[in-house]
PDB file of N, CA and C in Angstrom:
ATOM      1  N   MET A   1      91.473  48.108 103.368  1.00  0.00           N
ATOM      2  CA  MET A   1      91.843  48.990 104.448  1.00  0.00           C
ATOM      3  C   MET A   1      92.793  49.951 104.150  1.00  0.00           C
ATOM      4  N   GLU A   2      93.830  49.359 103.636  1.00  0.00           N
ATOM      5  CA  GLU A   2      95.115  50.295 103.193  1.00  0.00           C
ATOM      6  C   GLU A   2      94.730  51.238 102.273  1.00  0.00           C
ATOM      7  N   LYS A   3      94.055  50.807 101.238  1.00  0.00           N
ATOM      8  CA  LYS A   3      93.870  51.627 100.324  1.00  0.00           C
ATOM      9  C   LYS A   3      93.031  53.112 100.622  1.00  0.00           C
ATOM     10  N   LYS A   4      92.398  52.684 101.665  1.00  0.00           N
ATOM     11  CA  LYS A   4      91.518  53.677 102.181  1.00  0.00           C
ATOM     12  C   LYS A   4      92.616  54.963 103.026  1.00  0.00           C
ATOM     13  N   ARG A   5      93.208  54.072 103.893  1.00  0.00           N
ATOM     14  CA  ARG A   5      94.076  54.992 104.307  1.00  0.00           C
ATOM     15  C   ARG A   5      95.197  55.816 103.622  1.00  0.00           C
ATOM     16  N   SER A   6      95.521  55.129 102.603  1.00  0.00           N
ATOM     17  CA  SER A   6      96.507  55.708 101.524  1.00  0.00           C
ATOM     18  C   SER A   6      95.891  56.875 101.091  1.00  0.00           C
ATOM     19  N   TYR A   7      94.362  56.791 100.544  1.00  0.00           N
ATOM     20  CA  TYR A   7      93.771  57.744 100.090  1.00  0.00           C
ATOM     21  C   TYR A   7      93.843  58.766 101.096  1.00  0.00           C
ATOM     22  N   LEU A   8      93.303  58.480 102.187  1.00  0.00           N
ATOM     23  CA  LEU A   8      92.935  59.830 103.312  1.00  0.00           C
ATOM     24  C   LEU A   8      94.465  60.562 103.338  1.00  0.00           C
ATOM     25  N   TYR A   9      95.503  59.833 103.476  1.00  0.00           N
ATOM     26  CA  TYR A   9      96.547  60.446 103.580  1.00  0.00           C
ATOM     27  C   TYR A   9      96.916  61.425 102.451  1.00  0.00           C
ATOM     28  N   ARG A  10      96.671  60.983 101.162  1.00  0.00           N
ATOM     29  CA  ARG A  10      96.959  61.746  99.925  1.00  0.00           C
ATOM     30  C   ARG A  10      96.060  62.753 100.134  1.00  0.00           C
ATOM     31  N   CYS A  11      94.994  62.675 100.275  1.00  0.00           N
ATOM     32  CA  CYS A  11      93.828  63.859 100.398  1.00  0.00           C
ATOM     33  C   CYS A  11      94.392  65.008 101.167  1.00  0.00           C
ATOM     34  N   VAL A  12      94.868  64.464 102.686  1.00  0.00           N
ATOM     35  CA  VAL A  12      95.283  65.588 103.408  1.00  0.00           C
ATOM     36  C   VAL A  12      96.681  66.009 103.069  1.00  0.00           C
ATOM     37  N   PHE A  13      97.558  65.350 102.622  1.00  0.00           N
ATOM     38  CA  PHE A  13      98.745  66.055 101.911  1.00  0.00           C
ATOM     39  C   PHE A  13      98.355  66.950 100.800  1.00  0.00           C
ATOM     40  N   ASN A  14      97.653  66.673  99.849  1.00  0.00           N
ATOM     41  CA  ASN A  14      97.093  67.552  98.777  1.00  0.00           C
ATOM     42  C   ASN A  14      96.644  68.799  99.446  1.00  0.00           C
ATOM     43  N   GLU A  15      95.643  68.712 100.447  1.00  0.00           N
ATOM     44  CA  GLU A  15      94.851  69.998 101.058  1.00  0.00           C
ATOM     45  C   GLU A  15      95.888  70.693 101.486  1.00  0.00           C
ATOM     46  N   ALA A  16      97.174  70.267 102.387  1.00  0.00           N
ATOM     47  CA  ALA A  16      98.205  71.067 103.030  1.00  0.00           C
ATOM     48  C   ALA A  16      98.719  71.751 101.921  1.00  0.00           C
ATOM     49  N   MET A  17      99.372  71.186 100.907  1.00  0.00           N
ATOM     50  CA  MET A  17     100.176  71.541 100.000  1.00  0.00           C
ATOM     51  C   MET A  17      99.328  72.797  99.011  1.00  0.00           C
ATOM     52  N   SER A  18      97.966  72.591  98.908  1.00  0.00           N
ATOM     53  CA  SER A  18      97.309  73.589  98.333  1.00  0.00           C
ATOM     54  C   SER A  18      97.246  74.847  99.330  1.00  0.00           C
ATOM     55  N   PHE A  19      96.872  74.718 100.617  1.00  0.00           N
ATOM     56  CA  PHE A  19      96.933  75.857 101.398  1.00  0.00           C
ATOM     57  C   PHE A  19      98.305  76.415 101.437  1.00  0.00           C
ATOM     58  N   HIS A  20      99.582  75.593 101.656  1.00  0.00           N
ATOM     59  CA  HIS A  20     100.706  76.476 101.327  1.00  0.00           C
ATOM     60  C   HIS A  20     100.795  77.084 100.285  1.00  0.00           C
ATOM     61  N   ARG A  21     100.497  76.783  99.074  1.00  0.00           N
ATOM     62  CA  ARG A  21     100.760  77.381  97.616  1.00  0.00           C
ATOM     63  C   ARG A  21      99.868  78.582  97.803  1.00  0.00           C
ATOM     64  N   SER A  22      98.705  78.524  98.238  1.00  0.00           N
ATOM     65  CA  SER A  22      97.681  79.876  98.243  1.00  0.00           C
ATOM     66  C   SER A  22      98.374  80.923  99.208  1.00  0.00           C
ATOM     67  N   THR A  23      98.868  80.444 100.479  1.00  0.00           N
ATOM     68  CA  THR A  23      99.234  81.294 101.267  1.00  0.00           C
ATOM     69  C   THR A  23     100.589  82.100 100.916  1.00  0.00           C
ATOM     70  N   SER A  24     101.593  81.279 100.310  1.00  0.00           N
ATOM     71  CA  SER A  24     102.596  81.595  99.519  1.00  0.00           C
ATOM     72  C   SER A  24     102.320  82.593  98.531  1.00  0.00           C
ATOM     73  N   ARG A  25     101.373  82.639  97.658  1.00  0.00           N
ATOM     74  CA  ARG A  25     100.850  83.400  96.485  1.00  0.00           C
ATOM     75  C   ARG A  25     100.392  84.734  97.351  1.00  0.00           C
ATOM     76  N   ARG A  26      99.496  84.495  98.131  1.00  0.00           N
ATOM     77  CA  ARG A  26      99.046  85.637  98.979  1.00  0.00           C
ATOM     78  C   ARG A  26      99.983  86.607  99.475  1.00  0.00           C
ATOM     79  N   LEU A  27     100.882  86.006 100.082  1.00  0.00           N
ATOM     80  CA  LEU A  27     102.184  86.824 100.641  1.00  0.00           C
ATOM     81  C   LEU A  27     102.967  87.418  99.623  1.00  0.00           C
ATOM     82  N   SER A  28     102.945  86.656  98.519  1.00  0.00           N
ATOM     83  CA  SER A  28     103.826  87.451  97.283  1.00  0.00           C
ATOM     84  C   SER A  28     102.814  88.598  96.803  1.00  0.00           C
ATOM     85  N   ARG A  29     101.886  88.432  96.736  1.00  0.00           N
ATOM     86  CA  ARG A  29     100.978  89.567  96.139  1.00  0.00           C
ATOM     87  C   ARG A  29     101.255  90.757  97.000  1.00  0.00           C
ATOM     88  N   GLU A  30     101.008  90.420  98.503  1.00  0.00           N
ATOM     89  CA  GLU A  30     101.162  91.523  99.356  1.00  0.00           C
ATOM     90  C   GLU A  30     102.407  92.171  99.233  1.00  0.00           C
ATOM     91  N   GLU A  31     103.426  91.506  99.094  1.00  0.00           N
ATOM     92  CA  GLU A  31     104.784  92.107  99.153  1.00  0.00           C
ATOM     93  C   GLU A  31     105.058  92.817  97.818  1.00  0.00           C
ATOM     94  N   ARG A  32     104.548  92.615  96.838  1.00  0.00           N
ATOM     95  CA  ARG A  32     104.503  93.260  95.695  1.00  0.00           C
ATOM     96  C   ARG A  32     103.818  94.696  95.647  1.00  0.00           C
ATOM     97  N   ALA A  33     102.628  94.476  96.304  1.00  0.00           N
ATOM     98  CA  ALA A  33     101.807  95.580  96.541  1.00  0.00           C
ATOM     99  C   ALA A  33     102.346  96.747  97.532  1.00  0.00           C
ATOM    100  N   ALA A  34     102.927  96.036  98.361  1.00  0.00           N
ATOM    101  CA  ALA A  34     103.496  96.927  99.364  1.00  0.00           C
ATOM    102  C   ALA A  34     104.956  97.518  99.140  1.00  0.00           C
ATOM    103  N   SER A  35     105.298  97.266  98.180  1.00  0.00           N
ATOM    104  CA  SER A  35     106.856  97.819  97.750  1.00  0.00           C
ATOM    105  C   SER A  35     106.401  99.173  97.238  1.00  0.00           C
ATOM    106  N   THR A  36     107.540  99.907  97.381  1.00  0.00           N
ATOM    107  CA  THR A  36     107.359 101.440  96.921  1.00  0.00           C
ATOM    108  C   THR A  36     108.506 101.517  95.605  1.00  0.00           C
ATOM    109  N   GLU A  37     108.526 100.533  94.842  1.00  0.00           N
ATOM    110  CA  GLU A  37     109.610 100.459  93.599  1.00  0.00           C
ATOM    111  C   GLU A  37     108.893 101.534  92.615  1.00  0.00           C
ATOM    112  N   GLY A  38     107.631 101.688  92.347  1.00  0.00           N
ATOM    113  CA  GLY A  38     107.401 102.498  91.268  1.00  0.00           C
ATOM    114  C   GLY A  38     107.155 103.906  91.602  1.00  0.00           C
ATOM    115  N   THR A  39     107.159 104.128  92.822  1.00  0.00           N
ATOM    116  CA  THR A  39     106.951 105.603  93.424  1.00  0.00           C
ATOM    117  C   THR A  39     108.076 106.598  93.208  1.00  0.00           C
ATOM    118  N   ASP A  40     108.297 107.835  92.925  1.00  0.00           N
ATOM    119  CA  ASP A  40     109.269 108.605  92.728  1.00  0.00           C
ATOM    120  C   ASP A  40     109.495 108.920  94.384  1.00  0.00           C
ATOM    121  N   PRO A  41     110.970 108.661  94.903  1.00  0.00           N
ATOM    122  CA  PRO A  41     111.436 108.729  96.027  1.00  0.00           C
ATOM    123  C   PRO A  41     111.201 110.410  96.562  1.00  0.00           C
ATOM    124  N   SER A  42     111.422 111.433  95.540  1.00  0.00           N
ATOM    125  CA  SER A  42     111.365 112.653  96.031  1.00  0.00           C
ATOM    126  C   SER A  42     109.868 113.166  96.218  1.00  0.00           C
ATOM    127  N   GLU A  43     108.726 112.414  95.865  1.00  0.00           N
ATOM    128  CA  GLU A  43     107.635 112.764  96.319  1.00  0.00           C
ATOM    129  C   GLU A  43     107.296 112.220  97.792  1.00  0.00           C
ATOM    130  N   LEU A  44     107.956 111.326  98.402  1.00  0.00           N
ATOM    131  CA  LEU A  44     107.715 110.731  99.754  1.00  0.00           C
ATOM    132  C   LEU A  44     108.373 111.511 100.577  1.00  0.00           C
ATOM    133  N   ARG A  45     107.867 111.939 101.818  1.00  0.00           N
ATOM    134  CA  ARG A  45     108.614 112.257 102.982  1.00  0.00           C
ATOM    135  C   ARG A  45     108.944 111.207 103.774  1.00  0.00           C
ATOM    136  N   PRO A  46     110.377 111.261 104.423  1.00  0.00           N
ATOM    137  CA  PRO A  46     111.035 110.171 105.174  1.00  0.00           C
ATOM    138  C   PRO A  46     110.321 109.867 106.535  1.00  0.00           C
ATOM    139  N   GLU A  47     109.697 110.707 106.878  1.00  0.00           N
ATOM    140  CA  GLU A  47     109.088 110.222 108.342  1.00  0.00           C
ATOM    141  C   GLU A  47     107.643 109.511 107.927  1.00  0.00           C
ATOM    142  N   VAL A  48     106.926 109.747 106.703  1.00  0.00           N
ATOM    143  CA  VAL A  48     105.993 109.024 106.234  1.00  0.00           C
ATOM    144  C   VAL A  48     106.356 107.801 105.805  1.00  0.00           C
ATOM    145  N   LEU A  49     107.412 107.421 105.159  1.00  0.00           N
ATOM    146  CA  LEU A  49     108.168 106.075 104.725  1.00  0.00           C
ATOM    147  C   LEU A  49     108.309 105.514 106.061  1.00  0.00           C
ATOM    148  N   ASP A  50     109.028 106.057 106.967  1.00  0.00           N
ATOM    149  CA  ASP A  50     109.367 105.196 108.134  1.00  0.00           C
ATOM    150  C   ASP A  50     108.158 104.625 108.987  1.00  0.00           C
ATOM    151  N   ALA A  51     107.282 105.643 108.923  1.00  0.00           N
ATOM    152  CA  ALA A  51     105.953 105.156 109.454  1.00  0.00           C
ATOM    153  C   ALA A  51     105.053 103.979 108.676  1.00  0.00           C
ATOM    154  N   VAL A  52     105.306 103.896 107.568  1.00  0.00           N
ATOM    155  CA  VAL A  52     104.716 102.998 106.864  1.00  0.00           C
ATOM    156  C   VAL A  52     105.419 101.660 106.626  1.00  0.00           C
ATOM    157  N   LYS A  53     106.587 101.797 107.044  1.00  0.00           N
ATOM    158  CA  LYS A  53     107.675 100.602 107.286  1.00  0.00           C
ATOM    159  C   LYS A  53     107.139  99.856 108.244  1.00  0.00           C
ATOM    160  N   VAL A  54     106.738 100.374 109.207  1.00  0.00           N
ATOM    161  CA  VAL A  54     106.306  99.817 110.622  1.00  0.00           C
ATOM    162  C   VAL A  54     104.996  98.708 110.437  1.00  0.00           C
ATOM    163  N   LEU A  55     104.114  99.428 109.385  1.00  0.00           N
ATOM    164  CA  LEU A  55     103.057  98.566 109.467  1.00  0.00           C
ATOM    165  C   LEU A  55     103.067  97.192 109.030  1.00  0.00           C
ATOM    166  N   SER A  56     102.410  96.310 109.120  1.00  0.00           N
ATOM    167  CA  SER A  56     102.263  94.854 108.507  1.00  0.00           C
ATOM    168  C   SER A  56     102.375  95.006 107.162  1.00  0.00           C
ATOM    169  N   THR A  57     102.674  93.914 106.532  1.00  0.00           N
ATOM    170  CA  THR A  57     102.613  93.663 105.054  1.00  0.00           C
ATOM    171  C   THR A  57     101.287  94.012 104.487  1.00  0.00           C
ATOM    172  N   ARG A  58     100.121  93.292 105.070  1.00  0.00           N
ATOM    173  CA  ARG A  58      98.992  93.678 104.431  1.00  0.00           C
ATOM    174  C   ARG A  58      98.532  94.975 104.605  1.00  0.00           C
ATOM    175  N   GLN A  59      98.952  95.580 105.824  1.00  0.00           N
ATOM    176  CA  GLN A  59      98.321  97.009 105.969  1.00  0.00           C
ATOM    177  C   GLN A  59      99.131  97.927 104.804  1.00  0.00           C
ATOM    178  N   ARG A  60     100.596  97.615 104.860  1.00  0.00           N
ATOM    179  CA  ARG A  60     101.142  98.116 103.563  1.00  0.00           C
ATOM    180  C   ARG A  60     100.765  98.359 102.244  1.00  0.00           C
ATOM    181  N   ALA A  61     100.295  97.118 102.001  1.00  0.00           N
ATOM    182  CA  ALA A  61      99.576  96.743 100.746  1.00  0.00           C
ATOM    183  C   ALA A  61      98.391  97.468 100.560  1.00  0.00           C
ATOM    184  N   VAL A  62      97.633  97.579 101.452  1.00  0.00           N
ATOM    185  CA  VAL A  62      96.300  98.004 101.448  1.00  0.00           C
ATOM    186  C   VAL A  62      96.527  99.765 101.217  1.00  0.00           C
ATOM    187  N   ILE A  63      97.410 100.383 102.186  1.00  0.00           N
ATOM    188  CA  ILE A  63      97.714 101.792 102.089  1.00  0.00           C
ATOM    189  C   ILE A  63      98.229 102.099 100.822  1.00  0.00           C
ATOM    190  N   PHE A  64      99.268 101.364 100.019  1.00  0.00           N
ATOM    191  CA  PHE A  64      99.830 101.509  98.837  1.00  0.00           C
ATOM    192  C   PHE A  64      98.534 101.693  97.782  1.00  0.00           C
ATOM    193  N   LEU A  65      98.120 100.548  97.568  1.00  0.00           N
ATOM    194  CA  LEU A  65      96.892 100.186  96.688  1.00  0.00           C
ATOM    195  C   LEU A  65      95.850 101.461  96.754  1.00  0.00           C
ATOM    196  N   THR A  66      95.529 101.771  97.863  1.00  0.00           N
ATOM    197  CA  THR A  66      94.429 102.742  98.210  1.00  0.00           C
ATOM    198  C   THR A  66      95.002 104.149  97.795  1.00  0.00           C
ATOM    199  N   TYR A  67      96.065 104.506  98.573  1.00  0.00           N
ATOM    200  CA  TYR A  67      96.753 106.014  98.110  1.00  0.00           C
ATOM    201  C   TYR A  67      97.652 106.386  97.096  1.00  0.00           C
ATOM    202  N   TRP A  68      98.281 105.302  96.703  1.00  0.00           N
ATOM    203  CA  TRP A  68      99.414 105.575  95.607  1.00  0.00           C
ATOM    204  C   TRP A  68      98.988 105.182  94.469  1.00  0.00           C
ATOM    205  N   GLU A  69      98.216 103.947  94.224  1.00  0.00           N
ATOM    206  CA  GLU A  69      97.602 103.473  93.271  1.00  0.00           C
ATOM    207  C   GLU A  69      95.937 103.857  92.908  1.00  0.00           C
ATOM    208  N   ASP A  70      95.315 104.640  93.857  1.00  0.00           N
ATOM    209  CA  ASP A  70      94.018 105.336  93.926  1.00  0.00           C
ATOM    210  C   ASP A  70      93.006 103.958  93.622  1.00  0.00           C
ATOM    211  N   LEU A  71      92.991 103.230  94.306  1.00  0.00           N
ATOM    212  CA  LEU A  71      92.277 101.767  93.859  1.00  0.00           C
ATOM    213  C   LEU A  71      90.813 102.090  95.128  1.00  0.00           C
ATOM    214  N   THR A  72      89.797 101.567  94.676  1.00  0.00           N
ATOM    215  CA  THR A  72      88.744 101.330  95.447  1.00  0.00           C
ATOM    216  C   THR A  72      88.757 100.512  96.459  1.00  0.00           C
ATOM    217  N   PRO A  73      88.098 100.213  97.552  1.00  0.00           N
ATOM    218  CA  PRO A  73      88.134  99.135  98.417  1.00  0.00           C
ATOM    219  C   PRO A  73      88.015  97.868  97.707  1.00  0.00           C
ATOM    220  N   SER A  74      87.015  97.764  97.041  1.00  0.00           N
ATOM    221  CA  SER A  74      86.764  96.534  96.176  1.00  0.00           C
ATOM    222  C   SER A  74      87.784  96.101  95.238  1.00  0.00           C
ATOM    223  N   ALA A  75      88.201  97.271  94.696  1.00  0.00           N
ATOM    224  CA  ALA A  75      89.472  96.839  93.688  1.00  0.00           C
ATOM    225  C   ALA A  75      90.451  96.337  94.656  1.00  0.00           C
ATOM    226  N   VAL A  76      90.930  96.858  95.549  1.00  0.00           N
ATOM    227  CA  VAL A  76      92.195  96.453  96.420  1.00  0.00           C
ATOM    228  C   VAL A  76      91.598  95.077  96.981  1.00  0.00           C
ATOM    229  N   ALA A  77      90.567  94.656  97.249  1.00  0.00           N
ATOM    230  CA  ALA A  77      90.151  93.215  97.903  1.00  0.00           C
ATOM    231  C   ALA A  77      90.452  92.316  96.807  1.00  0.00           C
ATOM    232  N   GLU A  78      90.104  92.820  95.598  1.00  0.00           N
ATOM    233  CA  GLU A  78      90.168  91.689  94.543  1.00  0.00           C
ATOM    234  C   GLU A  78      91.500  91.594  94.224  1.00  0.00           C
ATOM    235  N   SER A  79      92.436  92.667  94.189  1.00  0.00           N
ATOM    236  CA  SER A  79      93.951  92.558  93.848  1.00  0.00           C
ATOM    237  C   SER A  79      94.593  91.574  94.951  1.00  0.00           C
ATOM    238  N   LEU A  80      94.318  91.916  96.041  1.00  0.00           N
ATOM    239  CA  LEU A  80      94.937  90.951  97.193  1.00  0.00           C
ATOM    240  C   LEU A  80      94.256  89.642  97.601  1.00  0.00           C
ATOM    241  N   GLY A  81      93.162  89.432  96.822  1.00  0.00           N
ATOM    242  CA  GLY A  81      92.258  88.387  97.261  1.00  0.00           C
ATOM    243  C   GLY A  81      91.981  88.054  98.532  1.00  0.00           C
ATOM    244  N   ILE A  82      91.321  89.196  99.124  1.00  0.00           N
ATOM    245  CA  ILE A  82      90.525  89.256 100.421  1.00  0.00           C
ATOM    246  C   ILE A  82      89.200  89.767 100.439  1.00  0.00           C
ATOM    247  N   GLY A  83      88.627  89.944 101.230  1.00  0.00           N
ATOM    248  CA  GLY A  83      87.304  90.595 101.363  1.00  0.00           C
ATOM    249  C   GLY A  83      87.392  92.022 101.407  1.00  0.00           C
ATOM    250  N   GLU A  84      86.489  92.599 101.045  1.00  0.00           N
ATOM    251  CA  GLU A  84      86.172  94.108 100.870  1.00  0.00           C
ATOM    252  C   GLU A  84      86.293  94.688 102.388  1.00  0.00           C
ATOM    253  N   GLY A  85      85.640  93.845 103.384  1.00  0.00           N
ATOM    254  CA  GLY A  85      85.542  94.071 104.650  1.00  0.00           C
ATOM    255  C   GLY A  85      86.925  94.149 105.640  1.00  0.00           C
ATOM    256  N   SER A  86      87.707  93.206 104.841  1.00  0.00           N
ATOM    257  CA  SER A  86      88.980  93.144 105.598  1.00  0.00           C
ATOM    258  C   SER A  86      90.023  94.293 104.977  1.00  0.00           C
ATOM    259  N   VAL A  87      89.603  94.762 104.066  1.00  0.00           N
ATOM    260  CA  VAL A  87      90.246  95.717 103.557  1.00  0.00           C
ATOM    261  C   VAL A  87      90.228  97.073 104.022  1.00  0.00           C
ATOM    262  N   LYS A  88      88.706  97.299 104.466  1.00  0.00           N
ATOM    263  CA  LYS A  88      88.440  98.174 105.395  1.00  0.00           C
ATOM    264  C   LYS A  88      89.052  98.194 106.673  1.00  0.00           C
ATOM    265  N   ARG A  89      88.898  97.195 107.107  1.00  0.00           N
ATOM    266  CA  ARG A  89      89.888  96.995 108.583  1.00  0.00           C
ATOM    267  C   ARG A  89      91.070  97.309 108.673  1.00  0.00           C
ATOM    268  N   HIS A  90      91.962  96.709 107.564  1.00  0.00           N
ATOM    269  CA  HIS A  90      93.347  97.004 107.433  1.00  0.00           C
ATOM    270  C   HIS A  90      93.611  98.351 107.490  1.00  0.00           C
ATOM    271  N   LEU A  91      92.684  99.047 106.493  1.00  0.00           N
ATOM    272  CA  LEU A  91      92.914 100.428 106.215  1.00  0.00           C
ATOM    273  C   LEU A  91      92.586 101.208 107.567  1.00  0.00           C
ATOM    274  N   ALA A  92      91.635 100.953 108.178  1.00  0.00           N
ATOM    275  CA  ALA A  92      91.401 101.805 109.257  1.00  0.00           C
ATOM    276  C   ALA A  92      92.447 101.578 110.297  1.00  0.00           C
ATOM    277  N   ARG A  93      92.840 100.371 110.541  1.00  0.00           N
ATOM    278  CA  ARG A  93      93.927 100.265 111.344  1.00  0.00           C
ATOM    279  C   ARG A  93      95.493 100.896 111.141  1.00  0.00           C
ATOM    280  N   ALA A  94      95.496 100.828 110.051  1.00  0.00           N
ATOM    281  CA  ALA A  94      96.946 101.432 109.399  1.00  0.00           C
ATOM    282  C   ALA A  94      96.419 102.791 109.779  1.00  0.00           C
ATOM    283  N   ARG A  95      95.550 103.505 109.129  1.00  0.00           N
ATOM    284  CA  ARG A  95      95.287 104.924 109.352  1.00  0.00           C
ATOM    285  C   ARG A  95      95.483 105.349 110.857  1.00  0.00           C
ATOM    286  N   SER A  96      94.908 104.526 111.716  1.00  0.00           N
ATOM    287  CA  SER A  96      95.040 104.839 113.098  1.00  0.00           C
ATOM    288  C   SER A  96      96.245 104.799 113.796  1.00  0.00           C
ATOM    289  N   HIS A  97      97.386 103.744 113.093  1.00  0.00           N
ATOM    290  CA  HIS A  97      98.505 103.653 113.457  1.00  0.00           C
ATOM    291  C   HIS A  97      99.474 104.762 113.055  1.00  0.00           C
ATOM    292  N   LEU A  98      99.233 105.258 111.715  1.00  0.00           N
ATOM    293  CA  LEU A  98     100.122 106.272 111.207  1.00  0.00           C
ATOM    294  C   LEU A  98      99.495 107.820 111.963  1.00  0.00           C
ATOM    295  N   LYS A  99      98.168 107.945 112.209  1.00  0.00           N
ATOM    296  CA  LYS A  99      97.703 109.136 112.820  1.00  0.00           C
ATOM    297  C   LYS A  99      98.573 109.200 114.041  1.00  0.00           C
ATOM    298  N   GLU A 100      98.885 108.044 114.881  1.00  0.00           N
ATOM    299  CA  GLU A 100      99.559 108.221 115.959  1.00  0.00           C
ATOM    300  C   GLU A 100     100.943 108.473 115.984  1.00  0.00           C
ATOM    301  N   VAL A 101     101.746 107.775 115.213  1.00  0.00           N
ATOM    302  CA  VAL A 101     103.095 107.940 114.783  1.00  0.00           C
ATOM    303  C   VAL A 101     103.114 109.578 114.115  1.00  0.00           C
ATOM    304  N   LEU A 102     102.728 109.677 113.338  1.00  0.00           N
ATOM    305  CA  LEU A 102     102.886 111.018 112.712  1.00  0.00           C
ATOM    306  C   LEU A 102     102.138 112.227 113.282  1.00  0.00           C
ATOM    307  N   ASP A 103     101.557 111.989 114.373  1.00  0.00           N
ATOM    308  CA  ASP A 103     101.040 113.006 115.346  1.00  0.00           C
ATOM    309  C   ASP A 103     100.279 113.995 114.286  1.00  0.00           C
ATOM    310  N   VAL A 104      99.376 113.248 113.695  1.00  0.00           N
ATOM    311  CA  VAL A 104      98.217 114.183 112.977  1.00  0.00           C
ATOM    312  C   VAL A 104      97.101 114.549 113.647  1.00  0.00           C
ATOM    313  N   THR A 105      96.714 115.624 113.392  1.00  0.00           N
ATOM    314  CA  THR A 105      95.263 116.206 113.902  1.00  0.00           C
ATOM    315  C   THR A 105      94.316 116.234 112.779  1.00  0.00           C
ATOM    316  N   GLU A 106      93.064 115.949 112.860  1.00  0.00           N
ATOM    317  CA  GLU A 106      92.011 116.254 111.976  1.00  0.00           C
ATOM    318  C   GLU A 106      91.465 117.480 111.990  1.00  0.00           C
TER     319      GLU A 106
END
């Protein structure tokens, strides 16, 4: 009985560690993608930068990869390790927020 309990505890521990590692890696990828280090600051307007900084990390990553890196939603999804539907949802929410903040008319 004790071996079964130890085995169960070890399985749960390993699964928790795996989940933590994958979450940590995903957050790291999103932070790298959301950073603006590779862009020329003279190209960016301050009000746009301020508006983008308010977005969530994932939304910033999706916006950056879509507009600055010119990737398709499927390429962004692959890069971030999320589904293409999630990319489209985050992109739509980010665009909506930026439209509100920047007072853009279509």
